[in-house]
């Protein structure tokens, strides 16, 4: 798959903003994934070329971060932080509730050990590029309703 001219231009503009080209790699891969839905090898290679880094470096980043996907998946992924603050505030219960409520939808709910960096707003989840914080009972119901409506 070849990236669109629009995405290529967005990546080139992004790279120009960083004093060190390599620093643009993660956001560039996120832009590429937004277009493709995931990061097949040819998209990773094309993004690496645009950023000016080795293909292996781009592949390492794509495989390291849980927000990047190297295989096709469901239309919607809900990723719940399971680090200690989120765990103490009910991350496992959140995962169970989301899975139970959304099991018949084309939505995947997964746990991650990657901290989302907002521990003071635990528990939290990421859907695409959107973060949902303070997912108490009411927040969970709002999130479930939004996911069903999408």
C-alpha atoms as a PDB file:
ATOM      1  CA  UNK A   1       0.000   0.000   0.000  1.00  0.00           C
ATOM      2  CA  UNK A   2       1.303   3.426  -0.917  1.00  0.00           C
ATOM      3  CA  UNK A   3       0.543   6.412   1.278  1.00  0.00           C
ATOM      4  CA  UNK A   4      -1.623   9.159  -0.164  1.00  0.00           C
ATOM      5  CA  UNK A   5      -0.056  12.437  -1.233  1.00  0.00           C
ATOM      6  CA  UNK A   6      -1.845  14.097   1.680  1.00  0.00           C
ATOM      7  CA  UNK A   7      -0.289  11.767   4.258  1.00  0.00           C
ATOM      8  CA  UNK A   8       3.140  11.966   2.622  1.00  0.00           C
ATOM      9  CA  UNK A   9       2.968  15.772   2.762  1.00  0.00           C
ATOM     10  CA  UNK A  10       1.825  15.694   6.399  1.00  0.00           C
ATOM     11  CA  UNK A  11       4.767  13.452   7.311  1.00  0.00           C
ATOM     12  CA  UNK A  12       7.223  15.679   5.436  1.00  0.00           C
ATOM     13  CA  UNK A  13       5.880  18.750   7.276  1.00  0.00           C
ATOM     14  CA  UNK A  14       6.139  16.873  10.567  1.00  0.00           C
ATOM     15  CA  UNK A  15       9.760  15.885   9.916  1.00  0.00           C
ATOM     16  CA  UNK A  16      10.652  19.508   9.126  1.00  0.00           C
ATOM     17  CA  UNK A  17       9.462  20.581  12.602  1.00  0.00           C
ATOM     18  CA  UNK A  18      11.988  18.397  14.440  1.00  0.00           C
ATOM     19  CA  UNK A  19      15.671  19.302  14.763  1.00  0.00           C
ATOM     20  CA  UNK A  20      16.456  15.552  14.766  1.00  0.00           C
ATOM     21  CA  UNK A  21      14.594  13.712  11.961  1.00  0.00           C
ATOM     22  CA  UNK A  22      14.394  10.484  13.961  1.00  0.00           C
ATOM     23  CA  UNK A  23      12.246  12.257  16.570  1.00  0.00           C
ATOM     24  CA  UNK A  24       9.445  12.448  13.991  1.00  0.00           C
ATOM     25  CA  UNK A  25       9.301   8.668  13.532  1.00  0.00           C
ATOM     26  CA  UNK A  26       6.607   7.797  16.091  1.00  0.00           C
ATOM     27  CA  UNK A  27       4.174  10.556  15.072  1.00  0.00           C
ATOM     28  CA  UNK A  28       4.860   9.781  11.400  1.00  0.00           C
ATOM     29  CA  UNK A  29       3.995   6.110  11.923  1.00  0.00           C
ATOM     30  CA  UNK A  30       0.801   7.183  13.701  1.00  0.00           C
ATOM     31  CA  UNK A  31      -0.147   9.300  10.664  1.00  0.00           C
ATOM     32  CA  UNK A  32       0.559   6.400   8.319  1.00  0.00           C
ATOM     33  CA  UNK A  33      -1.485   4.038  10.467  1.00  0.00           C
ATOM     34  CA  UNK A  34      -4.408   6.458  10.556  1.00  0.00           C
ATOM     35  CA  UNK A  35      -4.615   6.193   6.780  1.00  0.00           C
ATOM     36  CA  UNK A  36      -3.957   2.471   6.391  1.00  0.00           C
ATOM     37  CA  UNK A  37      -5.652   1.205   9.565  1.00  0.00           C
ATOM     38  CA  UNK A  38      -2.468  -0.685  10.436  1.00  0.00           C
ATOM     39  CA  UNK A  39       1.194  -0.714   9.402  1.00  0.00           C
ATOM     40  CA  UNK A  40       2.026  -3.337   6.766  1.00  0.00           C
ATOM     41  CA  UNK A  41       5.750  -3.724   5.954  1.00  0.00           C
ATOM     42  CA  UNK A  42       5.595  -1.541   2.839  1.00  0.00           C
ATOM     43  CA  UNK A  43       3.957   1.307   4.786  1.00  0.00           C
ATOM     44  CA  UNK A  44       6.591   1.079   7.515  1.00  0.00           C
ATOM     45  CA  UNK A  45       9.334   1.187   4.848  1.00  0.00           C
ATOM     46  CA  UNK A  46       7.758   4.151   3.062  1.00  0.00           C
ATOM     47  CA  UNK A  47       7.400   6.044   6.341  1.00  0.00           C
ATOM     48  CA  UNK A  48      11.015   5.262   7.245  1.00  0.00           C
ATOM     49  CA  UNK A  49      12.130   6.647   3.880  1.00  0.00           C
ATOM     50  CA  UNK A  50      10.131   9.847   4.416  1.00  0.00           C
ATOM     51  CA  UNK A  51      11.580  10.327   7.897  1.00  0.00           C
ATOM     52  CA  UNK A  52      15.080   9.348   6.788  1.00  0.00           C
ATOM     53  CA  UNK A  53      15.721   6.440   9.136  1.00  0.00           C
ATOM     54  CA  UNK A  54      16.577   2.780   8.455  1.00  0.00           C
ATOM     55  CA  UNK A  55      13.625   0.483   7.831  1.00  0.00           C
ATOM     56  CA  UNK A  56      14.693  -1.656  10.799  1.00  0.00           C
ATOM     57  CA  UNK A  57      14.449   1.342  13.139  1.00  0.00           C
ATOM     58  CA  UNK A  58      10.893   2.054  11.960  1.00  0.00           C
ATOM     59  CA  UNK A  59       9.933  -1.606  12.355  1.00  0.00           C
ATOM     60  CA  UNK A  60      11.306  -1.637  15.916  1.00  0.00           C
ATOM     61  CA  UNK A  61       9.188   1.382  16.837  1.00  0.00           C
ATOM     62  CA  UNK A  62       6.098  -0.097  15.156  1.00  0.00           C
ATOM     63  CA  UNK A  63       6.481  -3.346  17.095  1.00  0.00           C
ATOM     64  CA  UNK A  64       7.302  -1.703  20.440  1.00  0.00           C
ATOM     65  CA  UNK A  65       4.349   0.639  20.942  1.00  0.00           C
ATOM     66  CA  UNK A  66       0.922  -0.841  21.646  1.00  0.00           C
ATOM     67  CA  UNK A  67      -0.794   2.006  19.814  1.00  0.00           C
ATOM     68  CA  UNK A  68       0.819   0.855  16.572  1.00  0.00           C
ATOM     69  CA  UNK A  69      -0.396  -2.281  14.819  1.00  0.00           C
ATOM     70  CA  UNK A  70       1.536  -4.320  12.276  1.00  0.00           C
ATOM     71  CA  UNK A  71      -1.429  -6.579  11.474  1.00  0.00           C
ATOM     72  CA  UNK A  72      -5.007  -5.771  10.521  1.00  0.00           C
ATOM     73  CA  UNK A  73      -7.418  -5.854  13.404  1.00  0.00           C
ATOM     74  CA  UNK A  74     -10.910  -4.897  14.435  1.00  0.00           C
ATOM     75  CA  UNK A  75     -12.440  -1.624  13.343  1.00  0.00           C
ATOM     76  CA  UNK A  76     -12.185  -0.343  16.921  1.00  0.00           C
ATOM     77  CA  UNK A  77      -9.632  -1.151  19.600  1.00  0.00           C
ATOM     78  CA  UNK A  78     -10.123  -0.133  23.204  1.00  0.00           C
ATOM     79  CA  UNK A  79      -6.870  -0.294  25.145  1.00  0.00           C
ATOM     80  CA  UNK A  80      -7.103  -0.114  28.927  1.00  0.00           C
ATOM     81  CA  UNK A  81      -4.084   0.930  30.977  1.00  0.00           C
ATOM     82  CA  UNK A  82      -3.238  -1.697  33.590  1.00  0.00           C
ATOM     83  CA  UNK A  83      -0.363   0.060  35.355  1.00  0.00           C
ATOM     84  CA  UNK A  84      -0.544   0.209  39.151  1.00  0.00           C
ATOM     85  CA  UNK A  85      -2.571   3.443  39.548  1.00  0.00           C
ATOM     86  CA  UNK A  86      -5.146   2.293  36.990  1.00  0.00           C
ATOM     87  CA  UNK A  87      -5.142  -1.219  38.460  1.00  0.00           C
ATOM     88  CA  UNK A  88      -5.812   0.174  41.928  1.00  0.00           C
ATOM     89  CA  UNK A  89      -8.667   2.266  40.547  1.00  0.00           C
ATOM     90  CA  UNK A  90     -10.399  -0.679  38.853  1.00  0.00           C
ATOM     91  CA  UNK A  91      -8.757  -1.358  35.485  1.00  0.00           C
ATOM     92  CA  UNK A  92      -9.589  -5.083  35.591  1.00  0.00           C
ATOM     93  CA  UNK A  93     -13.246  -4.378  36.375  1.00  0.00           C
ATOM     94  CA  UNK A  94     -13.270  -1.844  33.537  1.00  0.00           C
ATOM     95  CA  UNK A  95     -11.883  -4.446  31.129  1.00  0.00           C
ATOM     96  CA  UNK A  96     -14.470  -7.028  32.211  1.00  0.00           C
ATOM     97  CA  UNK A  97     -17.323  -4.535  31.895  1.00  0.00           C
ATOM     98  CA  UNK A  98     -16.239  -3.322  28.467  1.00  0.00           C
ATOM     99  CA  UNK A  99     -15.734  -6.854  27.166  1.00  0.00           C
ATOM    100  CA  UNK A 100     -19.107  -7.943  28.530  1.00  0.00           C
ATOM    101  CA  UNK A 101     -20.947  -4.971  27.073  1.00  0.00           C
ATOM    102  CA  UNK A 102     -19.209  -4.959  23.710  1.00  0.00           C
ATOM    103  CA  UNK A 103     -18.646  -8.652  23.005  1.00  0.00           C
ATOM    104  CA  UNK A 104     -21.085  -8.759  20.083  1.00  0.00           C
ATOM    105  CA  UNK A 105     -19.635  -5.612  18.488  1.00  0.00           C
ATOM    106  CA  UNK A 106     -16.615  -5.486  16.189  1.00  0.00           C
ATOM    107  CA  UNK A 107     -14.654  -3.957  19.058  1.00  0.00           C
ATOM    108  CA  UNK A 108     -11.573  -5.431  20.691  1.00  0.00           C
ATOM    109  CA  UNK A 109     -10.824  -4.635  24.335  1.00  0.00           C
ATOM    110  CA  UNK A 110      -7.240  -5.221  25.392  1.00  0.00           C
ATOM    111  CA  UNK A 111      -5.059  -4.603  28.436  1.00  0.00           C
ATOM    112  CA  UNK A 112      -1.713  -2.868  28.152  1.00  0.00           C
ATOM    113  CA  UNK A 113       1.219  -2.437  30.455  1.00  0.00           C
ATOM    114  CA  UNK A 114       2.086   0.793  28.662  1.00  0.00           C
ATOM    115  CA  UNK A 115       1.377   3.746  30.940  1.00  0.00           C
ATOM    116  CA  UNK A 116      -0.728   6.460  29.322  1.00  0.00           C
ATOM    117  CA  UNK A 117       0.769   9.107  31.594  1.00  0.00           C
ATOM    118  CA  UNK A 118      -2.332  10.379  33.371  1.00  0.00           C
ATOM    119  CA  UNK A 119      -2.220   8.315  36.536  1.00  0.00           C
ATOM    120  CA  UNK A 120      -4.101  10.981  38.470  1.00  0.00           C
ATOM    121  CA  UNK A 121      -7.097  10.341  36.176  1.00  0.00           C
ATOM    122  CA  UNK A 122      -7.219   6.561  36.542  1.00  0.00           C
ATOM    123  CA  UNK A 123      -8.635   4.289  35.337  1.00  0.00           C
ATOM    124  CA  UNK A 124      -8.342   5.212  31.714  1.00  0.00           C
ATOM    125  CA  UNK A 125      -8.546   3.797  28.212  1.00  0.00           C
ATOM    126  CA  UNK A 126      -7.522   4.785  24.698  1.00  0.00           C
ATOM    127  CA  UNK A 127      -9.755   4.410  21.649  1.00  0.00           C
ATOM    128  CA  UNK A 128      -7.772   5.278  18.555  1.00  0.00           C
ATOM    129  CA  UNK A 129      -6.110   8.586  19.403  1.00  0.00           C
ATOM    130  CA  UNK A 130      -8.718   9.565  22.013  1.00  0.00           C
ATOM    131  CA  UNK A 131      -8.113   9.123  25.740  1.00  0.00           C
ATOM    132  CA  UNK A 132     -10.952   8.502  28.179  1.00  0.00           C
ATOM    133  CA  UNK A 133     -10.076   9.235  31.785  1.00  0.00           C
ATOM    134  CA  UNK A 134     -11.717   8.871  35.202  1.00  0.00           C
ATOM    135  CA  UNK A 135     -13.754   5.922  33.942  1.00  0.00           C
ATOM    136  CA  UNK A 136     -15.975   5.493  36.961  1.00  0.00           C
ATOM    137  CA  UNK A 137     -19.377   3.767  36.586  1.00  0.00           C
ATOM    138  CA  UNK A 138     -20.923   6.761  34.803  1.00  0.00           C
ATOM    139  CA  UNK A 139     -17.874   7.319  32.575  1.00  0.00           C
ATOM    140  CA  UNK A 140     -17.918   3.660  31.567  1.00  0.00           C
ATOM    141  CA  UNK A 141     -21.542   3.850  30.493  1.00  0.00           C
ATOM    142  CA  UNK A 142     -20.847   6.979  28.431  1.00  0.00           C
ATOM    143  CA  UNK A 143     -17.890   5.251  26.736  1.00  0.00           C
ATOM    144  CA  UNK A 144     -19.933   2.112  26.024  1.00  0.00           C
ATOM    145  CA  UNK A 145     -22.752   4.215  24.533  1.00  0.00           C
ATOM    146  CA  UNK A 146     -20.282   6.131  22.330  1.00  0.00           C
ATOM    147  CA  UNK A 147     -18.671   2.909  21.100  1.00  0.00           C
ATOM    148  CA  UNK A 148     -22.026   1.340  20.273  1.00  0.00           C
ATOM    149  CA  UNK A 149     -23.138   4.458  18.398  1.00  0.00           C
ATOM    150  CA  UNK A 150     -19.964   4.642  16.294  1.00  0.00           C
END
